């Protein structure tokens, strides 16, 4: 996201990210020729949101992009029936030195 982006564009982006955070199915829904499909655009949505996490964008946008991306990925995981991966703490893997 360019630092020169207009405030109205940044507000629109923040609103979209908040929508994706609250309703990740909306991010995964595509409408083409009058038919609606869920999940057909994962390969477009995930990289698009991911691009907001890198570069010189605002920290607020990065925070909401991260939350939106996690919500979308969690929705995909849930739709596929995949259990969440438990957290792995490296301190449990190696003895203290």
PDB file of N, CA and C in Angstrom:
ATOM      1  N   UNK A   1       0.845  -1.172   0.000  1.00  0.00           N
ATOM      2  CA  UNK A   1       0.000   0.000   0.000  1.00  0.00           C
ATOM      3  C   UNK A   1       0.882   1.224   0.000  1.00  0.00           C
ATOM      4  N   UNK A   2       0.681   2.069  -0.925  1.00  0.00           N
ATOM      5  CA  UNK A   2       1.492   3.267  -1.082  1.00  0.00           C
ATOM      6  C   UNK A   2       1.218   4.267   0.034  1.00  0.00           C
ATOM      7  N   UNK A   3       2.294   4.873   0.573  1.00  0.00           N
ATOM      8  CA  UNK A   3       2.089   5.891   1.607  1.00  0.00           C
ATOM      9  C   UNK A   3       1.336   7.100   1.072  1.00  0.00           C
ATOM     10  N   UNK A   4       1.305   7.264  -0.260  1.00  0.00           N
ATOM     11  CA  UNK A   4       0.624   8.406  -0.870  1.00  0.00           C
ATOM     12  C   UNK A   4      -0.859   8.133  -1.112  1.00  0.00           C
ATOM     13  N   UNK A   5      -1.361   6.977  -0.711  1.00  0.00           N
ATOM     14  CA  UNK A   5      -2.761   6.630  -0.940  1.00  0.00           C
ATOM     15  C   UNK A   5      -3.666   7.634  -0.239  1.00  0.00           C
ATOM     16  N   UNK A   6      -4.776   7.939  -0.881  1.00  0.00           N
ATOM     17  CA  UNK A   6      -5.696   8.921  -0.317  1.00  0.00           C
ATOM     18  C   UNK A   6      -6.363   8.367   0.936  1.00  0.00           C
ATOM     19  N   UNK A   7      -6.740   9.255   1.849  1.00  0.00           N
ATOM     20  CA  UNK A   7      -7.410   8.800   3.078  1.00  0.00           C
ATOM     21  C   UNK A   7      -8.690   8.008   2.784  1.00  0.00           C
ATOM     22  N   UNK A   8      -9.433   8.377   1.750  1.00  0.00           N
ATOM     23  CA  UNK A   8     -10.668   7.652   1.445  1.00  0.00           C
ATOM     24  C   UNK A   8     -10.362   6.233   0.960  1.00  0.00           C
ATOM     25  N   UNK A   9      -9.267   6.059   0.230  1.00  0.00           N
ATOM     26  CA  UNK A   9      -8.864   4.721  -0.209  1.00  0.00           C
ATOM     27  C   UNK A   9      -8.435   3.878   0.988  1.00  0.00           C
ATOM     28  N   UNK A  10      -7.697   4.482   1.910  1.00  0.00           N
ATOM     29  CA  UNK A  10      -7.281   3.768   3.117  1.00  0.00           C
ATOM     30  C   UNK A  10      -8.489   3.392   3.978  1.00  0.00           C
ATOM     31  N   UNK A  11      -9.463   4.290   4.080  1.00  0.00           N
ATOM     32  CA  UNK A  11     -10.684   3.982   4.829  1.00  0.00           C
ATOM     33  C   UNK A  11     -11.442   2.821   4.188  1.00  0.00           C
ATOM     34  N   UNK A  12     -11.523   2.822   2.868  1.00  0.00           N
ATOM     35  CA  UNK A  12     -12.187   1.729   2.161  1.00  0.00           C
ATOM     36  C   UNK A  12     -11.459   0.411   2.400  1.00  0.00           C
ATOM     37  N   UNK A  13     -10.143   0.429   2.324  1.00  0.00           N
ATOM     38  CA  UNK A  13      -9.351  -0.773   2.569  1.00  0.00           C
ATOM     39  C   UNK A  13      -9.569  -1.289   3.986  1.00  0.00           C
ATOM     40  N   UNK A  14      -9.565  -0.404   4.962  1.00  0.00           N
ATOM     41  CA  UNK A  14      -9.786  -0.812   6.351  1.00  0.00           C
ATOM     42  C   UNK A  14     -11.180  -1.422   6.517  1.00  0.00           C
ATOM     43  N   UNK A  15     -12.188  -0.829   5.860  1.00  0.00           N
ATOM     44  CA  UNK A  15     -13.546  -1.364   5.951  1.00  0.00           C
ATOM     45  C   UNK A  15     -13.625  -2.765   5.344  1.00  0.00           C
ATOM     46  N   UNK A  16     -12.944  -2.976   4.217  1.00  0.00           N
ATOM     47  CA  UNK A  16     -12.934  -4.295   3.579  1.00  0.00           C
ATOM     48  C   UNK A  16     -12.241  -5.310   4.474  1.00  0.00           C
ATOM     49  N   UNK A  17     -11.104  -4.937   5.056  1.00  0.00           N
ATOM     50  CA  UNK A  17     -10.390  -5.861   5.940  1.00  0.00           C
ATOM     51  C   UNK A  17     -11.225  -6.204   7.168  1.00  0.00           C
ATOM     52  N   UNK A  18     -11.903  -5.215   7.726  1.00  0.00           N
ATOM     53  CA  UNK A  18     -12.778  -5.480   8.882  1.00  0.00           C
ATOM     54  C   UNK A  18     -13.919  -6.423   8.499  1.00  0.00           C
ATOM     55  N   UNK A  19     -14.470  -6.234   7.303  1.00  0.00           N
ATOM     56  CA  UNK A  19     -15.521  -7.119   6.825  1.00  0.00           C
ATOM     57  C   UNK A  19     -15.006  -8.552   6.701  1.00  0.00           C
ATOM     58  N   UNK A  20     -13.807  -8.713   6.136  1.00  0.00           N
ATOM     59  CA  UNK A  20     -13.210 -10.042   6.007  1.00  0.00           C
ATOM     60  C   UNK A  20     -12.926 -10.662   7.366  1.00  0.00           C
ATOM     61  N   UNK A  21     -12.532  -9.836   8.337  1.00  0.00           N
ATOM     62  CA  UNK A  21     -12.292 -10.349   9.694  1.00  0.00           C
ATOM     63  C   UNK A  21     -13.581 -10.887  10.298  1.00  0.00           C
ATOM     64  N   UNK A  22     -14.679 -10.136  10.116  1.00  0.00           N
ATOM     65  CA  UNK A  22     -15.944 -10.495  10.741  1.00  0.00           C
ATOM     66  C   UNK A  22     -16.713 -11.552   9.959  1.00  0.00           C
ATOM     67  N   UNK A  23     -16.534 -11.555   8.632  1.00  0.00           N
ATOM     68  CA  UNK A  23     -17.284 -12.485   7.783  1.00  0.00           C
ATOM     69  C   UNK A  23     -16.371 -13.033   6.690  1.00  0.00           C
ATOM     70  N   UNK A  24     -15.488 -13.975   7.054  1.00  0.00           N
ATOM     71  CA  UNK A  24     -14.522 -14.468   6.075  1.00  0.00           C
ATOM     72  C   UNK A  24     -15.162 -15.162   4.877  1.00  0.00           C
ATOM     73  N   UNK A  25     -16.376 -15.649   5.024  1.00  0.00           N
ATOM     74  CA  UNK A  25     -17.048 -16.272   3.873  1.00  0.00           C
ATOM     75  C   UNK A  25     -17.271 -15.242   2.772  1.00  0.00           C
ATOM     76  N   UNK A  26     -17.483 -13.999   3.153  1.00  0.00           N
ATOM     77  CA  UNK A  26     -17.653 -12.939   2.160  1.00  0.00           C
ATOM     78  C   UNK A  26     -16.408 -12.827   1.282  1.00  0.00           C
ATOM     79  N   UNK A  27     -15.233 -12.960   1.888  1.00  0.00           N
ATOM     80  CA  UNK A  27     -13.979 -12.882   1.125  1.00  0.00           C
ATOM     81  C   UNK A  27     -13.829 -14.061   0.181  1.00  0.00           C
ATOM     82  N   UNK A  28     -14.439 -15.183   0.527  1.00  0.00           N
ATOM     83  CA  UNK A  28     -14.286 -16.407  -0.258  1.00  0.00           C
ATOM     84  C   UNK A  28     -15.406 -16.621  -1.269  1.00  0.00           C
ATOM     85  N   UNK A  29     -16.352 -15.694  -1.334  1.00  0.00           N
ATOM     86  CA  UNK A  29     -17.503 -15.842  -2.214  1.00  0.00           C
ATOM     87  C   UNK A  29     -17.267 -15.069  -3.505  1.00  0.00           C
ATOM     88  N   UNK A  30     -17.484 -15.746  -4.613  1.00  0.00           N
ATOM     89  CA  UNK A  30     -17.362 -15.092  -5.909  1.00  0.00           C
ATOM     90  C   UNK A  30     -18.686 -15.228  -6.659  1.00  0.00           C
ATOM     91  N   UNK A  31     -19.008 -14.206  -7.421  1.00  0.00           N
ATOM     92  CA  UNK A  31     -20.231 -14.207  -8.219  1.00  0.00           C
ATOM     93  C   UNK A  31     -19.847 -13.984  -9.670  1.00  0.00           C
ATOM     94  N   UNK A  32     -20.210 -14.937 -10.494  1.00  0.00           N
ATOM     95  CA  UNK A  32     -19.911 -14.844 -11.921  1.00  0.00           C
ATOM     96  C   UNK A  32     -21.139 -15.274 -12.711  1.00  0.00           C
ATOM     97  N   UNK A  33     -21.561 -14.427 -13.622  1.00  0.00           N
ATOM     98  CA  UNK A  33     -22.688 -14.781 -14.485  1.00  0.00           C
ATOM     99  C   UNK A  33     -23.945 -15.147 -13.728  1.00  0.00           C
ATOM    100  N   UNK A  34     -24.180 -14.527 -12.606  1.00  0.00           N
ATOM    101  CA  UNK A  34     -25.392 -14.770 -11.842  1.00  0.00           C
ATOM    102  C   UNK A  34     -25.320 -15.941 -10.880  1.00  0.00           C
ATOM    103  N   UNK A  35     -24.222 -16.710 -10.906  1.00  0.00           N
ATOM    104  CA  UNK A  35     -24.091 -17.817  -9.957  1.00  0.00           C
ATOM    105  C   UNK A  35     -23.070 -17.456  -8.890  1.00  0.00           C
ATOM    106  N   UNK A  36     -23.330 -17.897  -7.687  1.00  0.00           N
ATOM    107  CA  UNK A  36     -22.455 -17.605  -6.552  1.00  0.00           C
ATOM    108  C   UNK A  36     -21.786 -18.880  -6.095  1.00  0.00           C
ATOM    109  N   UNK A  37     -20.484 -18.814  -5.906  1.00  0.00           N
ATOM    110  CA  UNK A  37     -19.722 -19.967  -5.435  1.00  0.00           C
ATOM    111  C   UNK A  37     -18.856 -19.532  -4.263  1.00  0.00           C
ATOM    112  N   UNK A  38     -18.754 -20.407  -3.270  1.00  0.00           N
ATOM    113  CA  UNK A  38     -17.900 -20.136  -2.117  1.00  0.00           C
ATOM    114  C   UNK A  38     -16.634 -20.967  -2.259  1.00  0.00           C
ATOM    115  N   UNK A  39     -15.492 -20.309  -2.106  1.00  0.00           N
ATOM    116  CA  UNK A  39     -14.220 -21.012  -2.095  1.00  0.00           C
ATOM    117  C   UNK A  39     -13.485 -21.045  -3.416  1.00  0.00           C
ATOM    118  N   UNK A  40     -14.108 -20.543  -4.473  1.00  0.00           N
ATOM    119  CA  UNK A  40     -13.455 -20.583  -5.780  1.00  0.00           C
ATOM    120  C   UNK A  40     -12.319 -19.579  -5.929  1.00  0.00           C
ATOM    121  N   UNK A  41     -12.261 -18.591  -5.066  1.00  0.00           N
ATOM    122  CA  UNK A  41     -11.258 -17.540  -5.242  1.00  0.00           C
ATOM    123  C   UNK A  41     -10.224 -17.490  -4.120  1.00  0.00           C
ATOM    124  N   UNK A  42     -10.031 -18.595  -3.422  1.00  0.00           N
ATOM    125  CA  UNK A  42      -9.035 -18.639  -2.347  1.00  0.00           C
ATOM    126  C   UNK A  42      -7.658 -18.287  -2.896  1.00  0.00           C
ATOM    127  N   UNK A  43      -7.352 -18.778  -4.098  1.00  0.00           N
ATOM    128  CA  UNK A  43      -6.038 -18.531  -4.689  1.00  0.00           C
ATOM    129  C   UNK A  43      -5.825 -17.073  -5.064  1.00  0.00           C
ATOM    130  N   UNK A  44      -6.875 -16.272  -5.061  1.00  0.00           N
ATOM    131  CA  UNK A  44      -6.748 -14.847  -5.328  1.00  0.00           C
ATOM    132  C   UNK A  44      -6.773 -14.025  -4.036  1.00  0.00           C
ATOM    133  N   UNK A  45      -7.653 -14.405  -3.125  1.00  0.00           N
ATOM    134  CA  UNK A  45      -7.851 -13.629  -1.901  1.00  0.00           C
ATOM    135  C   UNK A  45      -6.640 -13.714  -0.968  1.00  0.00           C
ATOM    136  N   UNK A  46      -6.121 -14.916  -0.753  1.00  0.00           N
ATOM    137  CA  UNK A  46      -5.022 -15.088   0.196  1.00  0.00           C
ATOM    138  C   UNK A  46      -3.766 -14.316  -0.233  1.00  0.00           C
ATOM    139  N   UNK A  47      -3.312 -14.420  -1.483  1.00  0.00           N
ATOM    140  CA  UNK A  47      -2.133 -13.618  -1.869  1.00  0.00           C
ATOM    141  C   UNK A  47      -2.400 -12.115  -1.824  1.00  0.00           C
ATOM    142  N   UNK A  48      -3.621 -11.711  -2.165  1.00  0.00           N
ATOM    143  CA  UNK A  48      -3.949 -10.291  -2.157  1.00  0.00           C
ATOM    144  C   UNK A  48      -3.847  -9.710  -0.749  1.00  0.00           C
ATOM    145  N   UNK A  49      -4.442 -10.398   0.224  1.00  0.00           N
ATOM    146  CA  UNK A  49      -4.359  -9.918   1.604  1.00  0.00           C
ATOM    147  C   UNK A  49      -2.918 -10.001   2.102  1.00  0.00           C
ATOM    148  N   UNK A  50      -2.202 -11.045   1.703  1.00  0.00           N
ATOM    149  CA  UNK A  50      -0.812 -11.231   2.147  1.00  0.00           C
ATOM    150  C   UNK A  50       0.097 -10.090   1.701  1.00  0.00           C
ATOM    151  N   UNK A  51      -0.180  -9.508   0.546  1.00  0.00           N
ATOM    152  CA  UNK A  51       0.664  -8.405   0.069  1.00  0.00           C
ATOM    153  C   UNK A  51       0.602  -7.198   0.993  1.00  0.00           C
ATOM    154  N   UNK A  52      -0.481  -7.091   1.760  1.00  0.00           N
ATOM    155  CA  UNK A  52      -0.607  -5.963   2.686  1.00  0.00           C
ATOM    156  C   UNK A  52       0.255  -6.141   3.934  1.00  0.00           C
ATOM    157  N   UNK A  53       0.766  -7.352   4.140  1.00  0.00           N
ATOM    158  CA  UNK A  53       1.576  -7.633   5.327  1.00  0.00           C
ATOM    159  C   UNK A  53       3.041  -7.242   5.158  1.00  0.00           C
ATOM    160  N   UNK A  54       3.458  -7.011   3.945  1.00  0.00           N
ATOM    161  CA  UNK A  54       4.861  -6.690   3.675  1.00  0.00           C
ATOM    162  C   UNK A  54       4.969  -5.273   3.131  1.00  0.00           C
ATOM    163  N   UNK A  55       6.153  -4.751   3.153  1.00  0.00           N
ATOM    164  CA  UNK A  55       6.362  -3.413   2.608  1.00  0.00           C
ATOM    165  C   UNK A  55       6.247  -2.333   3.659  1.00  0.00           C
ATOM    166  N   UNK A  56       6.028  -1.141   3.181  1.00  0.00           N
ATOM    167  CA  UNK A  56       6.071   0.021   4.059  1.00  0.00           C
ATOM    168  C   UNK A  56       4.689   0.561   4.397  1.00  0.00           C
ATOM    169  N   UNK A  57       3.686  -0.305   4.417  1.00  0.00           N
ATOM    170  CA  UNK A  57       2.339   0.138   4.754  1.00  0.00           C
ATOM    171  C   UNK A  57       2.203   0.470   6.226  1.00  0.00           C
ATOM    172  N   UNK A  58       1.045   0.987   6.580  1.00  0.00           N
ATOM    173  CA  UNK A  58       0.818   1.364   7.974  1.00  0.00           C
ATOM    174  C   UNK A  58       0.680   0.119   8.847  1.00  0.00           C
ATOM    175  N   UNK A  59       1.076   0.261  10.093  1.00  0.00           N
ATOM    176  CA  UNK A  59       0.977  -0.850  11.040  1.00  0.00           C
ATOM    177  C   UNK A  59      -0.475  -1.246  11.286  1.00  0.00           C
ATOM    178  N   UNK A  60      -1.382  -0.279  11.226  1.00  0.00           N
ATOM    179  CA  UNK A  60      -2.799  -0.561  11.434  1.00  0.00           C
ATOM    180  C   UNK A  60      -3.331  -1.438  10.311  1.00  0.00           C
ATOM    181  N   UNK A  61      -2.960  -1.127   9.084  1.00  0.00           N
ATOM    182  CA  UNK A  61      -3.395  -1.940   7.947  1.00  0.00           C
ATOM    183  C   UNK A  61      -2.798  -3.335   8.062  1.00  0.00           C
ATOM    184  N   UNK A  62      -1.523  -3.426   8.431  1.00  0.00           N
ATOM    185  CA  UNK A  62      -0.885  -4.736   8.583  1.00  0.00           C
ATOM    186  C   UNK A  62      -1.589  -5.564   9.655  1.00  0.00           C
ATOM    187  N   UNK A  63      -1.966  -4.939  10.752  1.00  0.00           N
ATOM    188  CA  UNK A  63      -2.656  -5.636  11.836  1.00  0.00           C
ATOM    189  C   UNK A  63      -3.996  -6.192  11.359  1.00  0.00           C
ATOM    190  N   UNK A  64      -4.767  -5.364  10.653  1.00  0.00           N
ATOM    191  CA  UNK A  64      -6.067  -5.826  10.170  1.00  0.00           C
ATOM    192  C   UNK A  64      -5.919  -6.827   9.027  1.00  0.00           C
ATOM    193  N   UNK A  65      -4.882  -6.679   8.218  1.00  0.00           N
ATOM    194  CA  UNK A  65      -4.626  -7.652   7.150  1.00  0.00           C
ATOM    195  C   UNK A  65      -4.296  -9.016   7.762  1.00  0.00           C
ATOM    196  N   UNK A  66      -3.494  -8.998   8.824  1.00  0.00           N
ATOM    197  CA  UNK A  66      -3.152 -10.253   9.503  1.00  0.00           C
ATOM    198  C   UNK A  66      -4.401 -10.907  10.074  1.00  0.00           C
ATOM    199  N   UNK A  67      -5.239 -10.137  10.731  1.00  0.00           N
ATOM    200  CA  UNK A  67      -6.467 -10.679  11.320  1.00  0.00           C
ATOM    201  C   UNK A  67      -7.414 -11.198  10.242  1.00  0.00           C
ATOM    202  N   UNK A  68      -7.521 -10.459   9.139  1.00  0.00           N
ATOM    203  CA  UNK A  68      -8.389 -10.892   8.045  1.00  0.00           C
ATOM    204  C   UNK A  68      -7.859 -12.176   7.417  1.00  0.00           C
ATOM    205  N   UNK A  69      -6.554 -12.231   7.204  1.00  0.00           N
ATOM    206  CA  UNK A  69      -5.947 -13.423   6.609  1.00  0.00           C
ATOM    207  C   UNK A  69      -6.148 -14.644   7.507  1.00  0.00           C
ATOM    208  N   UNK A  70      -5.948 -14.474   8.800  1.00  0.00           N
ATOM    209  CA  UNK A  70      -6.161 -15.588   9.733  1.00  0.00           C
ATOM    210  C   UNK A  70      -7.619 -16.035   9.745  1.00  0.00           C
ATOM    211  N   UNK A  71      -8.548 -15.089   9.670  1.00  0.00           N
ATOM    212  CA  UNK A  71      -9.968 -15.436   9.646  1.00  0.00           C
ATOM    213  C   UNK A  71     -10.309 -16.217   8.375  1.00  0.00           C
ATOM    214  N   UNK A  72      -9.768 -15.769   7.233  1.00  0.00           N
ATOM    215  CA  UNK A  72     -10.029 -16.455   5.969  1.00  0.00           C
ATOM    216  C   UNK A  72      -9.429 -17.855   5.982  1.00  0.00           C
ATOM    217  N   UNK A  73      -8.185 -17.969   6.429  1.00  0.00           N
ATOM    218  CA  UNK A  73      -7.539 -19.283   6.477  1.00  0.00           C
ATOM    219  C   UNK A  73      -8.249 -20.220   7.454  1.00  0.00           C
ATOM    220  N   UNK A  74      -8.706 -19.685   8.577  1.00  0.00           N
ATOM    221  CA  UNK A  74      -9.445 -20.500   9.537  1.00  0.00           C
ATOM    222  C   UNK A  74     -10.762 -20.975   8.933  1.00  0.00           C
ATOM    223  N   UNK A  75     -11.405 -20.123   8.138  1.00  0.00           N
ATOM    224  CA  UNK A  75     -12.648 -20.514   7.471  1.00  0.00           C
ATOM    225  C   UNK A  75     -12.380 -21.624   6.461  1.00  0.00           C
ATOM    226  N   UNK A  76     -11.304 -21.501   5.692  1.00  0.00           N
ATOM    227  CA  UNK A  76     -10.939 -22.545   4.729  1.00  0.00           C
ATOM    228  C   UNK A  76     -10.656 -23.859   5.455  1.00  0.00           C
ATOM    229  N   UNK A  77      -9.891 -23.782   6.540  1.00  0.00           N
ATOM    230  CA  UNK A  77      -9.571 -24.960   7.327  1.00  0.00           C
ATOM    231  C   UNK A  77     -10.846 -25.607   7.848  1.00  0.00           C
ATOM    232  N   UNK A  78     -11.761 -24.804   8.346  1.00  0.00           N
ATOM    233  CA  UNK A  78     -13.018 -25.304   8.878  1.00  0.00           C
ATOM    234  C   UNK A  78     -13.859 -25.942   7.773  1.00  0.00           C
ATOM    235  N   UNK A  79     -13.916 -25.300   6.614  1.00  0.00           N
ATOM    236  CA  UNK A  79     -14.694 -25.838   5.494  1.00  0.00           C
ATOM    237  C   UNK A  79     -14.147 -27.180   5.023  1.00  0.00           C
ATOM    238  N   UNK A  80     -12.848 -27.363   5.128  1.00  0.00           N
ATOM    239  CA  UNK A  80     -12.225 -28.618   4.712  1.00  0.00           C
ATOM    240  C   UNK A  80     -12.302 -29.690   5.793  1.00  0.00           C
ATOM    241  N   UNK A  81     -12.735 -29.300   6.990  1.00  0.00           N
ATOM    242  CA  UNK A  81     -12.838 -30.242   8.089  1.00  0.00           C
ATOM    243  C   UNK A  81     -11.495 -30.621   8.678  1.00  0.00           C
ATOM    244  N   UNK A  82     -10.528 -29.728   8.563  1.00  0.00           N
ATOM    245  CA  UNK A  82      -9.183 -29.979   9.076  1.00  0.00           C
ATOM    246  C   UNK A  82      -9.104 -29.422  10.492  1.00  0.00           C
ATOM    247  N   UNK A  83      -8.608 -30.227  11.413  1.00  0.00           N
ATOM    248  CA  UNK A  83      -8.441 -29.771  12.793  1.00  0.00           C
ATOM    249  C   UNK A  83      -7.330 -28.721  12.845  1.00  0.00           C
ATOM    250  N   UNK A  84      -7.458 -27.801  13.759  1.00  0.00           N
ATOM    251  CA  UNK A  84      -6.422 -26.789  13.945  1.00  0.00           C
ATOM    252  C   UNK A  84      -5.139 -27.454  14.416  1.00  0.00           C
ATOM    253  N   UNK A  85      -4.044 -26.937  13.954  1.00  0.00           N
ATOM    254  CA  UNK A  85      -2.741 -27.467  14.359  1.00  0.00           C
ATOM    255  C   UNK A  85      -2.411 -26.904  15.736  1.00  0.00           C
ATOM    256  N   UNK A  86      -2.089 -27.760  16.696  1.00  0.00           N
ATOM    257  CA  UNK A  86      -1.772 -27.255  18.034  1.00  0.00           C
ATOM    258  C   UNK A  86      -0.472 -26.456  18.003  1.00  0.00           C
ATOM    259  N   UNK A  87      -0.391 -25.501  18.888  1.00  0.00           N
ATOM    260  CA  UNK A  87       0.838 -24.706  18.973  1.00  0.00           C
ATOM    261  C   UNK A  87       1.990 -25.579  19.440  1.00  0.00           C
ATOM    262  N   UNK A  88       3.135 -25.343  18.859  1.00  0.00           N
ATOM    263  CA  UNK A  88       4.352 -26.054  19.253  1.00  0.00           C
ATOM    264  C   UNK A  88       5.296 -25.040  19.836  1.00  0.00           C
ATOM    265  N   UNK A  89       5.718 -25.286  21.046  1.00  0.00           N
ATOM    266  CA  UNK A  89       6.654 -24.384  21.699  1.00  0.00           C
ATOM    267  C   UNK A  89       8.042 -25.005  21.634  1.00  0.00           C
ATOM    268  N   UNK A  90       8.982 -24.256  21.083  1.00  0.00           N
ATOM    269  CA  UNK A  90      10.332 -24.802  20.929  1.00  0.00           C
ATOM    270  C   UNK A  90      10.968 -25.131  22.277  1.00  0.00           C
ATOM    271  N   UNK A  91      10.504 -24.479  23.339  1.00  0.00           N
ATOM    272  CA  UNK A  91      11.078 -24.761  24.651  1.00  0.00           C
ATOM    273  C   UNK A  91      10.758 -26.187  25.090  1.00  0.00           C
ATOM    274  N   UNK A  92       9.676 -26.764  24.539  1.00  0.00           N
ATOM    275  CA  UNK A  92       9.323 -28.144  24.855  1.00  0.00           C
ATOM    276  C   UNK A  92      10.150 -29.149  24.045  1.00  0.00           C
ATOM    277  N   UNK A  93      10.807 -28.674  22.989  1.00  0.00           N
ATOM    278  CA  UNK A  93      11.501 -29.568  22.091  1.00  0.00           C
ATOM    279  C   UNK A  93      12.961 -29.803  22.487  1.00  0.00           C
ATOM    280  N   UNK A  94      13.580 -28.800  23.060  1.00  0.00           N
ATOM    281  CA  UNK A  94      14.987 -28.905  23.425  1.00  0.00           C
ATOM    282  C   UNK A  94      15.160 -28.612  24.904  1.00  0.00           C
ATOM    283  N   UNK A  95      16.023 -29.338  25.553  1.00  0.00           N
ATOM    284  CA  UNK A  95      16.247 -29.063  26.984  1.00  0.00           C
ATOM    285  C   UNK A  95      16.939 -27.720  27.169  1.00  0.00           C
ATOM    286  N   UNK A  96      16.692 -27.115  28.315  1.00  0.00           N
ATOM    287  CA  UNK A  96      17.346 -25.841  28.612  1.00  0.00           C
ATOM    288  C   UNK A  96      18.851 -26.047  28.713  1.00  0.00           C
ATOM    289  N   UNK A  97      19.567 -25.055  28.292  1.00  0.00           N
ATOM    290  CA  UNK A  97      21.047 -25.159  28.315  1.00  0.00           C
ATOM    291  C   UNK A  97      21.597 -24.415  29.494  1.00  0.00           C
TER     292      UNK A  97
END
